PDB file of N, CA and C in Angstrom:
ATOM      1  N   MET A   1      88.528 105.823 116.366  1.00  0.00           N
ATOM      2  CA  MET A   1      89.209 106.812 115.556  1.00  0.00           C
ATOM      3  C   MET A   1      89.924 106.109 114.396  1.00  0.00           C
ATOM      4  N   GLU A   2      89.763 106.639 113.226  1.00  0.00           N
ATOM      5  CA  GLU A   2      90.390 106.083 112.024  1.00  0.00           C
ATOM      6  C   GLU A   2      91.860 106.478 111.970  1.00  0.00           C
ATOM      7  N   PRO A   3      92.738 105.551 111.566  1.00  0.00           N
ATOM      8  CA  PRO A   3      94.160 105.901 111.458  1.00  0.00           C
ATOM      9  C   PRO A   3      94.373 106.941 110.357  1.00  0.00           C
ATOM     10  N   ILE A   4      95.395 107.774 110.517  1.00  0.00           N
ATOM     11  CA  ILE A   4      95.680 108.789 109.500  1.00  0.00           C
ATOM     12  C   ILE A   4      96.661 108.273 108.451  1.00  0.00           C
ATOM     13  N   THR A   5      97.363 107.187 108.761  1.00  0.00           N
ATOM     14  CA  THR A   5      98.235 106.543 107.782  1.00  0.00           C
ATOM     15  C   THR A   5      98.046 105.038 107.853  1.00  0.00           C
ATOM     16  N   VAL A   6      98.416 104.376 106.756  1.00  0.00           N
ATOM     17  CA  VAL A   6      98.442 102.922 106.729  1.00  0.00           C
ATOM     18  C   VAL A   6      99.786 102.476 106.178  1.00  0.00           C
ATOM     19  N   SER A   7     100.167 101.270 106.517  1.00  0.00           N
ATOM     20  CA  SER A   7     101.397 100.691 105.983  1.00  0.00           C
ATOM     21  C   SER A   7     101.189 100.364 104.506  1.00  0.00           C
ATOM     22  N   VAL A   8     102.275 100.008 103.844  1.00  0.00           N
ATOM     23  CA  VAL A   8     102.161  99.566 102.452  1.00  0.00           C
ATOM     24  C   VAL A   8     101.258  98.342 102.386  1.00  0.00           C
ATOM     25  N   GLU A   9     101.402  97.436 103.336  1.00  0.00           N
ATOM     26  CA  GLU A   9     100.542  96.255 103.372  1.00  0.00           C
ATOM     27  C   GLU A   9      99.071  96.656 103.559  1.00  0.00           C
ATOM     28  N   GLY A  10      98.826  97.612 104.447  1.00  0.00           N
ATOM     29  CA  GLY A  10      97.458  98.089 104.661  1.00  0.00           C
ATOM     30  C   GLY A  10      96.881  98.746 103.414  1.00  0.00           C
ATOM     31  N   ALA A  11      97.691  99.536 102.719  1.00  0.00           N
ATOM     32  CA  ALA A  11      97.239 100.177 101.482  1.00  0.00           C
ATOM     33  C   ALA A  11      96.943  99.119 100.426  1.00  0.00           C
ATOM     34  N   ALA A  12      97.783  98.093 100.365  1.00  0.00           N
ATOM     35  CA  ALA A  12      97.558  97.009  99.402  1.00  0.00           C
ATOM     36  C   ALA A  12      96.213  96.336  99.657  1.00  0.00           C
ATOM     37  N   LYS A  13      95.904  96.089 100.927  1.00  0.00           N
ATOM     38  CA  LYS A  13      94.620  95.466 101.274  1.00  0.00           C
ATOM     39  C   LYS A  13      93.459  96.382 100.902  1.00  0.00           C
ATOM     40  N   LEU A  14      93.588  97.671 101.200  1.00  0.00           N
ATOM     41  CA  LEU A  14      92.520  98.619 100.865  1.00  0.00           C
ATOM     42  C   LEU A  14      92.281  98.700  99.366  1.00  0.00           C
ATOM     43  N   LEU A  15      93.365  98.637  98.598  1.00  0.00           N
ATOM     44  CA  LEU A  15      93.268  98.759  97.142  1.00  0.00           C
ATOM     45  C   LEU A  15      92.988  97.430  96.450  1.00  0.00           C
ATOM     46  N   GLY A  16      93.176  96.323  97.167  1.00  0.00           N
ATOM     47  CA  GLY A  16      92.970  95.013  96.564  1.00  0.00           C
ATOM     48  C   GLY A  16      94.083  94.613  95.612  1.00  0.00           C
ATOM     49  N   VAL A  17      95.315  95.043  95.930  1.00  0.00           N
ATOM     50  CA  VAL A  17      96.482  94.723  95.114  1.00  0.00           C
ATOM     51  C   VAL A  17      97.586  94.181  96.019  1.00  0.00           C
ATOM     52  N   SER A  18      98.710  93.806  95.411  1.00  0.00           N
ATOM     53  CA  SER A  18      99.831  93.278  96.188  1.00  0.00           C
ATOM     54  C   SER A  18     100.732  94.401  96.700  1.00  0.00           C
ATOM     55  N   LYS A  19     101.570  94.078  97.683  1.00  0.00           N
ATOM     56  CA  LYS A  19     102.547  95.051  98.178  1.00  0.00           C
ATOM     57  C   LYS A  19     103.483  95.528  97.073  1.00  0.00           C
ATOM     58  N   PRO A  20     104.017  94.619  96.225  1.00  0.00           N
ATOM     59  CA  PRO A  20     104.874  95.116  95.141  1.00  0.00           C
ATOM     60  C   PRO A  20     104.158  96.090  94.203  1.00  0.00           C
ATOM     61  N   THR A  21     102.861  95.880  94.015  1.00  0.00           N
ATOM     62  CA  THR A  21     102.095  96.803  93.170  1.00  0.00           C
ATOM     63  C   THR A  21     102.008  98.175  93.819  1.00  0.00           C
ATOM     64  N   VAL A  22     101.824  98.223  95.136  1.00  0.00           N
ATOM     65  CA  VAL A  22     101.791  99.513  95.837  1.00  0.00           C
ATOM     66  C   VAL A  22     103.129 100.229  95.684  1.00  0.00           C
ATOM     67  N   TYR A  23     104.237  99.508  95.877  1.00  0.00           N
ATOM     68  CA  TYR A  23     105.556 100.124  95.699  1.00  0.00           C
ATOM     69  C   TYR A  23     105.732 100.627  94.269  1.00  0.00           C
ATOM     70  N   SER A  24     105.225  99.884  93.302  1.00  0.00           N
ATOM     71  CA  SER A  24     105.287 100.307  91.909  1.00  0.00           C
ATOM     72  C   SER A  24     104.472 101.585  91.688  1.00  0.00           C
ATOM     73  N   MET A  25     103.293 101.670  92.322  1.00  0.00           N
ATOM     74  CA  MET A  25     102.462 102.862  92.198  1.00  0.00           C
ATOM     75  C   MET A  25     103.133 104.066  92.859  1.00  0.00           C
ATOM     76  N   ILE A  26     103.859 103.838  93.933  1.00  0.00           N
ATOM     77  CA  ILE A  26     104.597 104.921  94.589  1.00  0.00           C
ATOM     78  C   ILE A  26     105.659 105.452  93.635  1.00  0.00           C
ATOM     79  N   ARG A  27     106.414 104.545  93.023  1.00  0.00           N
ATOM     80  CA  ARG A  27     107.509 104.942  92.132  1.00  0.00           C
ATOM     81  C   ARG A  27     107.012 105.544  90.822  1.00  0.00           C
ATOM     82  N   GLY A  28     106.011 104.928  90.216  1.00  0.00           N
ATOM     83  CA  GLY A  28     105.654 105.307  88.859  1.00  0.00           C
ATOM     84  C   GLY A  28     104.400 106.128  88.692  1.00  0.00           C
ATOM     85  N   GLU A  29     103.479 106.048  89.635  1.00  0.00           N
ATOM     86  CA  GLU A  29     102.188 106.699  89.449  1.00  0.00           C
ATOM     87  C   GLU A  29     101.921 107.808  90.459  1.00  0.00           C
ATOM     88  N   GLY A  30     102.913 108.109  91.274  1.00  0.00           N
ATOM     89  CA  GLY A  30     102.770 109.221  92.203  1.00  0.00           C
ATOM     90  C   GLY A  30     101.876 108.967  93.394  1.00  0.00           C
ATOM     91  N   LEU A  31     101.756 107.713  93.809  1.00  0.00           N
ATOM     92  CA  LEU A  31     100.954 107.429  95.003  1.00  0.00           C
ATOM     93  C   LEU A  31     101.578 108.169  96.184  1.00  0.00           C
ATOM     94  N   PRO A  32     100.806 109.033  96.864  1.00  0.00           N
ATOM     95  CA  PRO A  32     101.363 109.791  97.989  1.00  0.00           C
ATOM     96  C   PRO A  32     101.850 108.873  99.101  1.00  0.00           C
ATOM     97  N   HIS A  33     102.995 109.208  99.657  1.00  0.00           N
ATOM     98  CA  HIS A  33     103.562 108.406 100.743  1.00  0.00           C
ATOM     99  C   HIS A  33     104.496 109.262 101.583  1.00  0.00           C
ATOM    100  N   ILE A  34     104.826 108.751 102.753  1.00  0.00           N
ATOM    101  CA  ILE A  34     105.737 109.420 103.681  1.00  0.00           C
ATOM    102  C   ILE A  34     106.768 108.401 104.113  1.00  0.00           C
ATOM    103  N   LYS A  35     108.028 108.805 104.131  1.00  0.00           N
ATOM    104  CA  LYS A  35     109.085 107.951 104.658  1.00  0.00           C
ATOM    105  C   LYS A  35     109.308 108.332 106.119  1.00  0.00           C
ATOM    106  N   LEU A  36     109.124 107.380 107.025  1.00  0.00           N
ATOM    107  CA  LEU A  36     109.392 107.568 108.443  1.00  0.00           C
ATOM    108  C   LEU A  36     110.539 106.647 108.799  1.00  0.00           C
ATOM    109  N   ASN A  37     111.735 107.227 108.869  1.00  0.00           N
ATOM    110  CA  ASN A  37     112.949 106.423 108.998  1.00  0.00           C
ATOM    111  C   ASN A  37     113.012 105.456 107.829  1.00  0.00           C
ATOM    112  N   ARG A  38     112.964 104.161 108.095  1.00  0.00           N
ATOM    113  CA  ARG A  38     113.038 103.170 107.019  1.00  0.00           C
ATOM    114  C   ARG A  38     111.657 102.663 106.602  1.00  0.00           C
ATOM    115  N   ARG A  39     110.615 103.210 107.181  1.00  0.00           N
ATOM    116  CA  ARG A  39     109.261 102.738 106.935  1.00  0.00           C
ATOM    117  C   ARG A  39     108.529 103.668 105.977  1.00  0.00           C
ATOM    118  N   THR A  40     107.760 103.093 105.084  1.00  0.00           N
ATOM    119  CA  THR A  40     106.925 103.865 104.165  1.00  0.00           C
ATOM    120  C   THR A  40     105.473 103.728 104.617  1.00  0.00           C
ATOM    121  N   VAL A  41     104.795 104.859 104.788  1.00  0.00           N
ATOM    122  CA  VAL A  41     103.376 104.854 105.138  1.00  0.00           C
ATOM    123  C   VAL A  41     102.622 105.728 104.149  1.00  0.00           C
ATOM    124  N   ILE A  42     101.340 105.463 104.030  1.00  0.00           N
ATOM    125  CA  ILE A  42     100.494 106.192 103.086  1.00  0.00           C
ATOM    126  C   ILE A  42      99.406 106.909 103.878  1.00  0.00           C
ATOM    127  N   PRO A  43      99.310 108.249 103.723  1.00  0.00           N
ATOM    128  CA  PRO A  43      98.228 108.980 104.390  1.00  0.00           C
ATOM    129  C   PRO A  43      96.870 108.559 103.806  1.00  0.00           C
ATOM    130  N   VAL A  44      95.953 108.176 104.663  1.00  0.00           N
ATOM    131  CA  VAL A  44      94.655 107.668 104.229  1.00  0.00           C
ATOM    132  C   VAL A  44      93.889 108.709 103.419  1.00  0.00           C
ATOM    133  N   ASP A  45      93.888 109.958 103.856  1.00  0.00           N
ATOM    134  CA  ASP A  45      93.142 110.983 103.118  1.00  0.00           C
ATOM    135  C   ASP A  45      93.725 111.205 101.724  1.00  0.00           C
ATOM    136  N   LYS A  46      95.052 111.177 101.605  1.00  0.00           N
ATOM    137  CA  LYS A  46      95.689 111.347 100.298  1.00  0.00           C
ATOM    138  C   LYS A  46      95.464 110.132  99.412  1.00  0.00           C
ATOM    139  N   LEU A  47      95.419 108.935 100.011  1.00  0.00           N
ATOM    140  CA  LEU A  47      95.121 107.722  99.250  1.00  0.00           C
ATOM    141  C   LEU A  47      93.720 107.814  98.660  1.00  0.00           C
ATOM    142  N   ARG A  48      92.762 108.263  99.449  1.00  0.00           N
ATOM    143  CA  ARG A  48      91.383 108.424  98.945  1.00  0.00           C
ATOM    144  C   ARG A  48      91.335 109.424  97.801  1.00  0.00           C
ATOM    145  N   GLU A  49      92.015 110.567  97.971  1.00  0.00           N
ATOM    146  CA  GLU A  49      92.044 111.581  96.913  1.00  0.00           C
ATOM    147  C   GLU A  49      92.671 111.013  95.642  1.00  0.00           C
ATOM    148  N   TRP A  50      93.787 110.300  95.792  1.00  0.00           N
ATOM    149  CA  TRP A  50      94.513 109.733  94.664  1.00  0.00           C
ATOM    150  C   TRP A  50      93.627 108.754  93.892  1.00  0.00           C
ATOM    151  N   VAL A  51      92.934 107.888  94.620  1.00  0.00           N
ATOM    152  CA  VAL A  51      92.036 106.926  93.983  1.00  0.00           C
ATOM    153  C   VAL A  51      90.875 107.663  93.324  1.00  0.00           C
ATOM    154  N   ASN A  52      90.322 108.639  94.014  1.00  0.00           N
ATOM    155  CA  ASN A  52      89.189 109.398  93.499  1.00  0.00           C
ATOM    156  C   ASN A  52      89.543 110.087  92.185  1.00  0.00           C
ATOM    157  N   GLU A  53      90.724 110.668  92.094  1.00  0.00           N
ATOM    158  CA  GLU A  53      91.163 111.332  90.865  1.00  0.00           C
ATOM    159  C   GLU A  53      91.230 110.346  89.703  1.00  0.00           C
ATOM    160  N   ARG A  54      91.678 109.134  89.977  1.00  0.00           N
ATOM    161  CA  ARG A  54      91.813 108.130  88.927  1.00  0.00           C
ATOM    162  C   ARG A  54      90.496 107.449  88.586  1.00  0.00           C
ATOM    163  N   ALA A  55      89.519 107.596  89.469  1.00  0.00           N
ATOM    164  CA  ALA A  55      88.205 106.985  89.237  1.00  0.00           C
ATOM    165  C   ALA A  55      87.246 107.945  88.542  1.00  0.00           C
ATOM    166  N   GLY A  56      87.756 109.076  88.107  1.00  0.00           N
ATOM    167  CA  GLY A  56      86.906 110.017  87.384  1.00  0.00           C
ATOM    168  C   GLY A  56      86.195 111.013  88.273  1.00  0.00           C
ATOM    169  N   GLY A  57      86.643 111.171  89.516  1.00  0.00           N
ATOM    170  CA  GLY A  57      86.096 112.204  90.385  1.00  0.00           C
ATOM    171  C   GLY A  57      84.877 111.804  91.170  1.00  0.00           C
ATOM    172  N   GLY A  58      84.455 110.541  91.117  1.00  0.00           N
ATOM    173  CA  GLY A  58      83.303 110.106  91.890  1.00  0.00           C
ATOM    174  C   GLY A  58      83.634 109.988  93.357  1.00  0.00           C
ATOM    175  N   SER A  59      82.603 109.750  94.166  1.00  0.00           N
ATOM    176  CA  SER A  59      82.794 109.591  95.607  1.00  0.00           C
ATOM    177  C   SER A  59      83.584 108.322  95.897  1.00  0.00           C
ATOM    178  N   CYS A  60      84.475 108.391  96.888  1.00  0.00           N
ATOM    179  CA  CYS A  60      85.334 107.253  97.230  1.00  0.00           C
ATOM    180  C   CYS A  60      85.005 106.768  98.648  1.00  0.00           C
ATOM    181  N   GLY A  61      83.915 106.027  98.786  1.00  0.00           N
ATOM    182  CA  GLY A  61      83.589 105.418 100.064  1.00  0.00           C
ATOM    183  C   GLY A  61      83.040 106.366 101.106  1.00  0.00           C
ATOM    184  N   GLU A  62      82.569 107.505 100.688  1.00  0.00           N
ATOM    185  CA  GLU A  62      82.031 108.444 101.674  1.00  0.00           C
ATOM    186  C   GLU A  62      80.662 108.900 101.278  1.00  0.00           C
TER     187      GLU A  62
END
């Protein structure tokens, strides 16, 4: 079963960027995220949609 959320570190690995870049995208570019207590997680389905929108609407790994 695929996880429904990933950590900031996991999102960074999926996107091929650094953790600070992911935090920057959360703050400035509207990267979807959820705060769980002190932890920030990114919903995988929303991450795919977000990337897909910025890639011009093409298929994102599916």
